[in-house]
Amino acid sequence: MINNTLSAACLAVLSLMAATAAHAAPTVYFGENQNPAGVVSGAPLTARTQFLSTLSGVSSQGFEGFAVGAAAPLSLDFTGSGGSTLSATLSGDGAIDNSTAFGRFNTTPGGSKWWDVGGAFVLNFATAISAFGFYGTDVGDFNGQITIDLLDTSGAHTTYTVQNTINGNNAALLFWGFVDSAKSYTQITFGNTSGAGVDFFGFDDMVIGDISQVCTVNCGTVPEPTSLALVGLGLFAAGMTARKARRA
């Protein structure tokens, strides 16, 4: 009787955990430094390091192979799982730049360029991806926040507004990225709450990864805090039931 009760309680907890995991949103990484002085440092660097720690074998695009002034569309290649190539096409507003006169700056070690943009642009992926991140420079000093719309393989949209400081400092730095171990995405659309041509920013060091590059090391060995709480509640309930059964 006690064993059956314990098994039922554990199954209920596991079912709840599975349902929670099945509907989990992507994990988002964000960090902002309002005074980087043209150097990648502080919270953005920490956020990117944490983002990269969940991935294996990914590569970064710093736009160094393109000529200054080059406009969309751009064809971009990244390293995928098993040595495959992940291809992306960047279309819409923007051009390659290297002038720091307006607060944007390079974030690639040893590099000098970035994608300079003041309107909407779109990234389309030939192979669906499950991880994406970038550095943004000079974001928000003209009352804007970046909007990011993710289109998954089922046709559903997930939209984020990057919580950068509004009317912050010139030449600020941020990192934003997400990792999703359950879904893959075919398109990412960038916009800005201030409208086109107002809050220009630099987009640099873009990283993407396919679902096989997510959580390849120690993935799932430690439950998330929510899962730990559910396990605790389940064990507590099972223990109380067992005590009642012994007293009967």
C-alpha atoms as a PDB file:
ATOM      1  CA  MET A   1       0.000   0.000   0.000  1.00  0.00           C
ATOM      2  CA  ILE A   2       2.781   2.406   0.945  1.00  0.00           C
ATOM      3  CA  ASN A   3       4.849   1.528  -2.147  1.00  0.00           C
ATOM      4  CA  ASN A   4       1.861   2.044  -4.440  1.00  0.00           C
ATOM      5  CA  THR A   5       1.167   5.448  -2.851  1.00  0.00           C
ATOM      6  CA  LEU A   6       4.797   6.506  -3.212  1.00  0.00           C
ATOM      7  CA  SER A   7       4.885   5.371  -6.841  1.00  0.00           C
ATOM      8  CA  ALA A   8       1.712   7.268  -7.665  1.00  0.00           C
ATOM      9  CA  ALA A   9       3.041  10.437  -6.023  1.00  0.00           C
ATOM     10  CA  CYS A  10       6.347  10.184  -7.865  1.00  0.00           C
ATOM     11  CA  LEU A  11       4.588   9.587 -11.197  1.00  0.00           C
ATOM     12  CA  ALA A  12       2.433  12.661 -10.622  1.00  0.00           C
ATOM     13  CA  VAL A  13       5.515  14.788  -9.929  1.00  0.00           C
ATOM     14  CA  LEU A  14       7.331  13.439 -12.982  1.00  0.00           C
ATOM     15  CA  SER A  15       4.302  14.097 -15.183  1.00  0.00           C
ATOM     16  CA  LEU A  16       4.109  17.687 -13.932  1.00  0.00           C
ATOM     17  CA  MET A  17       7.823  18.147 -14.521  1.00  0.00           C
ATOM     18  CA  ALA A  18       7.508  16.773 -18.065  1.00  0.00           C
ATOM     19  CA  ALA A  19       4.609  19.096 -18.826  1.00  0.00           C
ATOM     20  CA  THR A  20       6.560  22.077 -17.469  1.00  0.00           C
ATOM     21  CA  ALA A  21       9.641  21.175 -19.524  1.00  0.00           C
ATOM     22  CA  ALA A  22       7.562  20.653 -22.683  1.00  0.00           C
ATOM     23  CA  HIS A  23       6.237  24.216 -22.505  1.00  0.00           C
ATOM     24  CA  ALA A  24       9.465  25.899 -21.312  1.00  0.00           C
ATOM     25  CA  ALA A  25      10.389  29.136 -23.060  1.00  0.00           C
ATOM     26  CA  PRO A  26      13.854  29.740 -24.518  1.00  0.00           C
ATOM     27  CA  THR A  27      16.534  30.704 -22.001  1.00  0.00           C
ATOM     28  CA  VAL A  28      17.477  34.350 -22.590  1.00  0.00           C
ATOM     29  CA  TYR A  29      20.886  35.858 -21.789  1.00  0.00           C
ATOM     30  CA  PHE A  30      21.239  39.626 -21.426  1.00  0.00           C
ATOM     31  CA  GLY A  31      23.823  42.036 -20.090  1.00  0.00           C
ATOM     32  CA  GLU A  32      24.353  45.780 -20.532  1.00  0.00           C
ATOM     33  CA  ASN A  33      27.264  48.143 -19.867  1.00  0.00           C
ATOM     34  CA  GLN A  34      26.474  51.838 -20.188  1.00  0.00           C
ATOM     35  CA  ASN A  35      30.141  52.878 -19.952  1.00  0.00           C
ATOM     36  CA  PRO A  36      32.293  50.339 -21.828  1.00  0.00           C
ATOM     37  CA  ALA A  37      34.683  52.932 -23.326  1.00  0.00           C
ATOM     38  CA  GLY A  38      34.808  50.990 -26.591  1.00  0.00           C
ATOM     39  CA  VAL A  39      35.849  47.745 -24.899  1.00  0.00           C
ATOM     40  CA  VAL A  40      33.888  44.497 -24.476  1.00  0.00           C
ATOM     41  CA  SER A  41      33.598  44.240 -20.703  1.00  0.00           C
ATOM     42  CA  GLY A  42      31.278  43.908 -17.729  1.00  0.00           C
ATOM     43  CA  ALA A  43      27.798  42.394 -17.845  1.00  0.00           C
ATOM     44  CA  PRO A  44      27.662  41.905 -21.658  1.00  0.00           C
ATOM     45  CA  LEU A  45      30.849  39.826 -21.602  1.00  0.00           C
ATOM     46  CA  THR A  46      29.523  37.778 -18.672  1.00  0.00           C
ATOM     47  CA  ALA A  47      26.201  37.176 -20.455  1.00  0.00           C
ATOM     48  CA  ARG A  48      27.939  36.056 -23.648  1.00  0.00           C
ATOM     49  CA  THR A  49      30.248  33.740 -21.702  1.00  0.00           C
ATOM     50  CA  GLN A  50      27.248  32.123 -20.004  1.00  0.00           C
ATOM     51  CA  PHE A  51      25.459  31.827 -23.358  1.00  0.00           C
ATOM     52  CA  LEU A  52      28.457  30.147 -25.003  1.00  0.00           C
ATOM     53  CA  SER A  53      28.863  27.739 -22.077  1.00  0.00           C
ATOM     54  CA  THR A  54      25.590  26.041 -23.109  1.00  0.00           C
ATOM     55  CA  LEU A  55      26.802  25.399 -26.669  1.00  0.00           C
ATOM     56  CA  SER A  56      29.388  23.251 -28.416  1.00  0.00           C
ATOM     57  CA  GLY A  57      31.289  23.798 -31.662  1.00  0.00           C
ATOM     58  CA  VAL A  58      29.642  27.093 -32.641  1.00  0.00           C
ATOM     59  CA  SER A  59      31.267  29.964 -34.557  1.00  0.00           C
ATOM     60  CA  SER A  60      30.890  33.748 -34.614  1.00  0.00           C
ATOM     61  CA  GLN A  61      30.326  36.224 -37.463  1.00  0.00           C
ATOM     62  CA  GLY A  62      32.079  39.563 -36.967  1.00  0.00           C
ATOM     63  CA  PHE A  63      31.564  40.882 -40.540  1.00  0.00           C
ATOM     64  CA  GLU A  64      35.314  41.272 -41.057  1.00  0.00           C
ATOM     65  CA  GLY A  65      35.195  39.555 -44.464  1.00  0.00           C
ATOM     66  CA  PHE A  66      32.918  42.197 -45.984  1.00  0.00           C
ATOM     67  CA  ALA A  67      33.860  45.552 -47.505  1.00  0.00           C
ATOM     68  CA  VAL A  68      32.861  48.747 -45.714  1.00  0.00           C
ATOM     69  CA  GLY A  69      29.624  49.988 -47.247  1.00  0.00           C
ATOM     70  CA  ALA A  70      28.434  46.522 -48.305  1.00  0.00           C
ATOM     71  CA  ALA A  71      24.645  46.352 -47.988  1.00  0.00           C
ATOM     72  CA  ALA A  72      22.074  43.577 -47.770  1.00  0.00           C
ATOM     73  CA  PRO A  73      21.568  40.885 -48.735  1.00  0.00           C
ATOM     74  CA  LEU A  74      24.573  39.250 -47.083  1.00  0.00           C
ATOM     75  CA  SER A  75      25.240  35.503 -47.132  1.00  0.00           C
ATOM     76  CA  LEU A  76      26.663  34.279 -43.821  1.00  0.00           C
ATOM     77  CA  ASP A  77      28.076  30.848 -42.979  1.00  0.00           C
ATOM     78  CA  PHE A  78      28.509  29.300 -39.521  1.00  0.00           C
ATOM     79  CA  THR A  79      29.730  25.978 -38.170  1.00  0.00           C
ATOM     80  CA  GLY A  80      26.922  23.548 -37.385  1.00  0.00           C
ATOM     81  CA  SER A  81      26.880  20.204 -35.594  1.00  0.00           C
ATOM     82  CA  GLY A  82      29.079  17.456 -36.993  1.00  0.00           C
ATOM     83  CA  GLY A  83      31.082  19.957 -39.027  1.00  0.00           C
ATOM     84  CA  SER A  84      28.080  20.922 -41.148  1.00  0.00           C
ATOM     85  CA  THR A  85      27.513  24.456 -42.436  1.00  0.00           C
ATOM     86  CA  LEU A  86      24.686  26.633 -41.164  1.00  0.00           C
ATOM     87  CA  SER A  87      23.804  29.278 -43.740  1.00  0.00           C
ATOM     88  CA  ALA A  88      22.009  32.535 -43.015  1.00  0.00           C
ATOM     89  CA  THR A  89      20.870  35.389 -45.226  1.00  0.00           C
ATOM     90  CA  LEU A  90      20.735  38.905 -43.783  1.00  0.00           C
ATOM     91  CA  SER A  91      18.313  41.210 -45.592  1.00  0.00           C
ATOM     92  CA  GLY A  92      16.708  44.585 -44.951  1.00  0.00           C
ATOM     93  CA  ASP A  93      18.236  47.771 -43.588  1.00  0.00           C
ATOM     94  CA  GLY A  94      21.905  48.338 -42.764  1.00  0.00           C
ATOM     95  CA  ALA A  95      25.451  48.292 -44.148  1.00  0.00           C
ATOM     96  CA  ILE A  96      28.956  47.314 -43.062  1.00  0.00           C
ATOM     97  CA  ASP A  97      30.677  50.153 -41.185  1.00  0.00           C
ATOM     98  CA  ASN A  98      33.898  50.862 -39.302  1.00  0.00           C
ATOM     99  CA  SER A  99      33.492  54.494 -38.206  1.00  0.00           C
ATOM    100  CA  THR A 100      33.335  55.092 -34.453  1.00  0.00           C
ATOM    101  CA  ALA A 101      32.261  58.730 -34.853  1.00  0.00           C
ATOM    102  CA  PHE A 102      28.680  58.051 -33.757  1.00  0.00           C
ATOM    103  CA  GLY A 103      29.221  55.685 -30.840  1.00  0.00           C
ATOM    104  CA  ARG A 104      29.126  52.318 -32.567  1.00  0.00           C
ATOM    105  CA  PHE A 105      32.267  50.207 -32.288  1.00  0.00           C
ATOM    106  CA  ASN A 106      33.761  46.843 -33.202  1.00  0.00           C
ATOM    107  CA  THR A 107      33.456  43.984 -30.689  1.00  0.00           C
ATOM    108  CA  THR A 108      35.451  41.330 -32.580  1.00  0.00           C
ATOM    109  CA  PRO A 109      38.962  40.770 -31.172  1.00  0.00           C
ATOM    110  CA  GLY A 110      41.420  42.183 -33.708  1.00  0.00           C
ATOM    111  CA  GLY A 111      38.552  43.354 -35.937  1.00  0.00           C
ATOM    112  CA  SER A 112      37.237  46.729 -37.054  1.00  0.00           C
ATOM    113  CA  LYS A 113      33.762  46.250 -38.604  1.00  0.00           C
ATOM    114  CA  TRP A 114      30.121  45.662 -37.721  1.00  0.00           C
ATOM    115  CA  TRP A 115      26.619  45.789 -39.241  1.00  0.00           C
ATOM    116  CA  ASP A 116      25.381  49.361 -38.794  1.00  0.00           C
ATOM    117  CA  VAL A 117      21.600  49.577 -38.789  1.00  0.00           C
ATOM    118  CA  GLY A 118      18.800  52.044 -38.082  1.00  0.00           C
ATOM    119  CA  GLY A 119      15.770  50.110 -39.315  1.00  0.00           C
ATOM    120  CA  ALA A 120      14.353  46.608 -39.599  1.00  0.00           C
ATOM    121  CA  PHE A 121      16.419  43.681 -40.832  1.00  0.00           C
ATOM    122  CA  VAL A 122      15.775  39.952 -41.120  1.00  0.00           C
ATOM    123  CA  LEU A 123      17.880  36.810 -40.721  1.00  0.00           C
ATOM    124  CA  ASN A 124      16.671  33.714 -42.592  1.00  0.00           C
ATOM    125  CA  PHE A 125      18.239  30.329 -41.845  1.00  0.00           C
ATOM    126  CA  ALA A 126      18.558  27.538 -44.400  1.00  0.00           C
ATOM    127  CA  THR A 127      18.785  25.067 -41.512  1.00  0.00           C
ATOM    128  CA  ALA A 128      16.656  25.819 -38.451  1.00  0.00           C
ATOM    129  CA  ILE A 129      18.636  27.060 -35.435  1.00  0.00           C
ATOM    130  CA  SER A 130      18.109  26.785 -31.679  1.00  0.00           C
ATOM    131  CA  ALA A 131      20.666  29.290 -30.368  1.00  0.00           C
ATOM    132  CA  PHE A 132      21.379  32.887 -31.315  1.00  0.00           C
ATOM    133  CA  GLY A 133      23.316  35.763 -29.758  1.00  0.00           C
ATOM    134  CA  PHE A 134      24.914  39.097 -30.639  1.00  0.00           C
ATOM    135  CA  TYR A 135      26.636  42.192 -29.290  1.00  0.00           C
ATOM    136  CA  GLY A 136      24.871  45.532 -29.814  1.00  0.00           C
ATOM    137  CA  THR A 137      26.627  48.895 -29.509  1.00  0.00           C
ATOM    138  CA  ASP A 138      25.171  52.370 -29.055  1.00  0.00           C
ATOM    139  CA  VAL A 139      21.662  51.005 -28.431  1.00  0.00           C
ATOM    140  CA  GLY A 140      18.981  53.138 -26.756  1.00  0.00           C
ATOM    141  CA  ASP A 141      20.563  56.589 -26.690  1.00  0.00           C
ATOM    142  CA  PHE A 142      17.725  57.834 -28.933  1.00  0.00           C
ATOM    143  CA  ASN A 143      14.785  56.437 -27.000  1.00  0.00           C
ATOM    144  CA  GLY A 144      14.767  52.986 -28.602  1.00  0.00           C
ATOM    145  CA  GLN A 145      14.693  49.356 -27.543  1.00  0.00           C
ATOM    146  CA  ILE A 146      15.439  46.499 -29.926  1.00  0.00           C
ATOM    147  CA  THR A 147      12.556  44.175 -30.794  1.00  0.00           C
ATOM    148  CA  ILE A 148      13.263  40.585 -31.822  1.00  0.00           C
ATOM    149  CA  ASP A 149      10.687  38.283 -33.421  1.00  0.00           C
ATOM    150  CA  LEU A 150      11.455  34.555 -33.640  1.00  0.00           C
ATOM    151  CA  LEU A 151       9.632  32.364 -36.171  1.00  0.00           C
ATOM    152  CA  ASP A 152       9.800  28.658 -35.280  1.00  0.00           C
ATOM    153  CA  THR A 153       9.434  25.636 -37.545  1.00  0.00           C
ATOM    154  CA  SER A 154       5.731  25.300 -36.697  1.00  0.00           C
ATOM    155  CA  GLY A 155       5.032  28.828 -37.942  1.00  0.00           C
ATOM    156  CA  ALA A 156       4.545  30.307 -34.454  1.00  0.00           C
ATOM    157  CA  HIS A 157       6.066  33.654 -33.445  1.00  0.00           C
ATOM    158  CA  THR A 158       7.779  34.585 -30.176  1.00  0.00           C
ATOM    159  CA  THR A 159       8.557  38.282 -29.730  1.00  0.00           C
ATOM    160  CA  TYR A 160      10.962  39.941 -27.287  1.00  0.00           C
ATOM    161  CA  THR A 161      11.787  43.540 -26.478  1.00  0.00           C
ATOM    162  CA  VAL A 162      15.414  43.809 -25.379  1.00  0.00           C
ATOM    163  CA  GLN A 163      15.436  45.602 -22.029  1.00  0.00           C
ATOM    164  CA  ASN A 164      18.261  48.009 -22.834  1.00  0.00           C
ATOM    165  CA  THR A 165      18.296  51.387 -21.081  1.00  0.00           C
ATOM    166  CA  ILE A 166      16.110  53.977 -22.848  1.00  0.00           C
ATOM    167  CA  ASN A 167      17.847  57.330 -23.446  1.00  0.00           C
ATOM    168  CA  GLY A 168      21.010  55.884 -21.993  1.00  0.00           C
ATOM    169  CA  ASN A 169      24.592  56.772 -22.760  1.00  0.00           C
ATOM    170  CA  ASN A 170      26.123  57.122 -26.187  1.00  0.00           C
ATOM    171  CA  ALA A 171      28.333  54.118 -27.133  1.00  0.00           C
ATOM    172  CA  ALA A 172      26.797  51.682 -24.636  1.00  0.00           C
ATOM    173  CA  LEU A 173      27.262  47.925 -25.082  1.00  0.00           C
ATOM    174  CA  LEU A 174      24.881  45.001 -24.656  1.00  0.00           C
ATOM    175  CA  PHE A 175      24.715  41.284 -25.297  1.00  0.00           C
ATOM    176  CA  TRP A 176      21.443  39.463 -25.986  1.00  0.00           C
ATOM    177  CA  GLY A 177      20.973  35.823 -26.850  1.00  0.00           C
ATOM    178  CA  PHE A 178      18.738  32.813 -26.407  1.00  0.00           C
ATOM    179  CA  VAL A 179      19.102  29.037 -26.271  1.00  0.00           C
ATOM    180  CA  ASP A 180      16.198  26.648 -26.841  1.00  0.00           C
ATOM    181  CA  SER A 181      16.704  22.906 -26.370  1.00  0.00           C
ATOM    182  CA  ALA A 182      13.148  22.102 -27.498  1.00  0.00           C
ATOM    183  CA  LYS A 183      12.414  24.252 -30.564  1.00  0.00           C
ATOM    184  CA  SER A 184      14.175  25.424 -33.708  1.00  0.00           C
ATOM    185  CA  TYR A 185      13.724  28.672 -35.627  1.00  0.00           C
ATOM    186  CA  THR A 186      13.917  29.585 -39.299  1.00  0.00           C
ATOM    187  CA  GLN A 187      13.761  33.389 -39.137  1.00  0.00           C
ATOM    188  CA  ILE A 188      14.628  36.278 -36.801  1.00  0.00           C
ATOM    189  CA  THR A 189      13.327  39.806 -37.459  1.00  0.00           C
ATOM    190  CA  PHE A 190      14.873  42.873 -35.811  1.00  0.00           C
ATOM    191  CA  GLY A 191      13.061  46.156 -35.246  1.00  0.00           C
ATOM    192  CA  ASN A 192      13.234  49.129 -32.898  1.00  0.00           C
ATOM    193  CA  THR A 193      10.570  50.739 -30.721  1.00  0.00           C
ATOM    194  CA  SER A 194      11.735  54.221 -31.755  1.00  0.00           C
ATOM    195  CA  GLY A 195      10.999  53.560 -35.427  1.00  0.00           C
ATOM    196  CA  ALA A 196      13.230  53.447 -38.490  1.00  0.00           C
ATOM    197  CA  GLY A 197      16.143  55.850 -38.849  1.00  0.00           C
ATOM    198  CA  VAL A 198      16.150  57.080 -35.244  1.00  0.00           C
ATOM    199  CA  ASP A 199      18.115  54.839 -32.887  1.00  0.00           C
ATOM    200  CA  PHE A 200      20.992  53.478 -34.977  1.00  0.00           C
ATOM    201  CA  PHE A 201      23.100  50.704 -33.458  1.00  0.00           C
ATOM    202  CA  GLY A 202      25.967  48.362 -34.269  1.00  0.00           C
ATOM    203  CA  PHE A 203      25.237  44.623 -34.611  1.00  0.00           C
ATOM    204  CA  ASP A 204      28.314  42.424 -34.218  1.00  0.00           C
ATOM    205  CA  ASP A 205      29.729  38.998 -33.290  1.00  0.00           C
ATOM    206  CA  MET A 206      26.581  37.078 -34.168  1.00  0.00           C
ATOM    207  CA  VAL A 207      26.543  33.438 -33.019  1.00  0.00           C
ATOM    208  CA  ILE A 208      24.080  30.733 -34.075  1.00  0.00           C
ATOM    209  CA  GLY A 209      23.824  27.028 -33.278  1.00  0.00           C
ATOM    210  CA  ASP A 210      21.563  24.145 -34.287  1.00  0.00           C
ATOM    211  CA  ILE A 211      19.703  22.022 -31.756  1.00  0.00           C
ATOM    212  CA  SER A 212      22.458  19.386 -31.671  1.00  0.00           C
ATOM    213  CA  GLN A 213      24.921  22.043 -30.496  1.00  0.00           C
ATOM    214  CA  VAL A 214      22.806  22.899 -27.439  1.00  0.00           C
ATOM    215  CA  CYS A 215      23.598  21.416 -24.013  1.00  0.00           C
ATOM    216  CA  THR A 216      26.000  18.743 -25.207  1.00  0.00           C
ATOM    217  CA  VAL A 217      27.850  18.723 -21.872  1.00  0.00           C
ATOM    218  CA  ASN A 218      26.142  17.938 -18.529  1.00  0.00           C
ATOM    219  CA  CYS A 219      22.778  18.728 -20.065  1.00  0.00           C
ATOM    220  CA  GLY A 220      19.852  17.795 -17.824  1.00  0.00           C
ATOM    221  CA  THR A 221      21.945  16.327 -15.000  1.00  0.00           C
ATOM    222  CA  VAL A 222      20.876  19.073 -12.589  1.00  0.00           C
ATOM    223  CA  PRO A 223      17.143  19.922 -12.421  1.00  0.00           C
ATOM    224  CA  GLU A 224      16.098  23.525 -12.899  1.00  0.00           C
ATOM    225  CA  PRO A 225      15.059  25.371  -9.683  1.00  0.00           C
ATOM    226  CA  THR A 226      11.358  24.951 -10.555  1.00  0.00           C
ATOM    227  CA  SER A 227      11.839  21.219 -11.066  1.00  0.00           C
ATOM    228  CA  LEU A 228      13.685  20.917  -7.761  1.00  0.00           C
ATOM    229  CA  ALA A 229      10.781  22.613  -6.011  1.00  0.00           C
ATOM    230  CA  LEU A 230       8.301  20.236  -7.635  1.00  0.00           C
ATOM    231  CA  VAL A 231      10.373  17.234  -6.579  1.00  0.00           C
ATOM    232  CA  GLY A 232      10.491  18.575  -3.042  1.00  0.00           C
ATOM    233  CA  LEU A 233       6.726  19.009  -2.932  1.00  0.00           C
ATOM    234  CA  GLY A 234       6.180  15.538  -4.341  1.00  0.00           C
ATOM    235  CA  LEU A 235       8.477  13.865  -1.850  1.00  0.00           C
ATOM    236  CA  PHE A 236       6.905  15.825   1.006  1.00  0.00           C
ATOM    237  CA  ALA A 237       3.424  14.707  -0.071  1.00  0.00           C
ATOM    238  CA  ALA A 238       4.556  11.126  -0.473  1.00  0.00           C
ATOM    239  CA  GLY A 239       6.176  11.193   2.948  1.00  0.00           C
ATOM    240  CA  MET A 240       3.041  12.504   4.632  1.00  0.00           C
ATOM    241  CA  THR A 241       0.931   9.821   2.951  1.00  0.00           C
ATOM    242  CA  ALA A 242       3.358   7.143   4.075  1.00  0.00           C
ATOM    243  CA  ARG A 243       3.214   8.394   7.707  1.00  0.00           C
ATOM    244  CA  LYS A 244      -0.576   8.295   7.677  1.00  0.00           C
ATOM    245  CA  ALA A 245      -0.516   4.771   6.285  1.00  0.00           C
ATOM    246  CA  ARG A 246       1.824   3.572   9.052  1.00  0.00           C
ATOM    247  CA  ARG A 247      -0.409   5.114  11.752  1.00  0.00           C
ATOM    248  CA  ALA A 248      -3.569   3.448  10.374  1.00  0.00           C
END
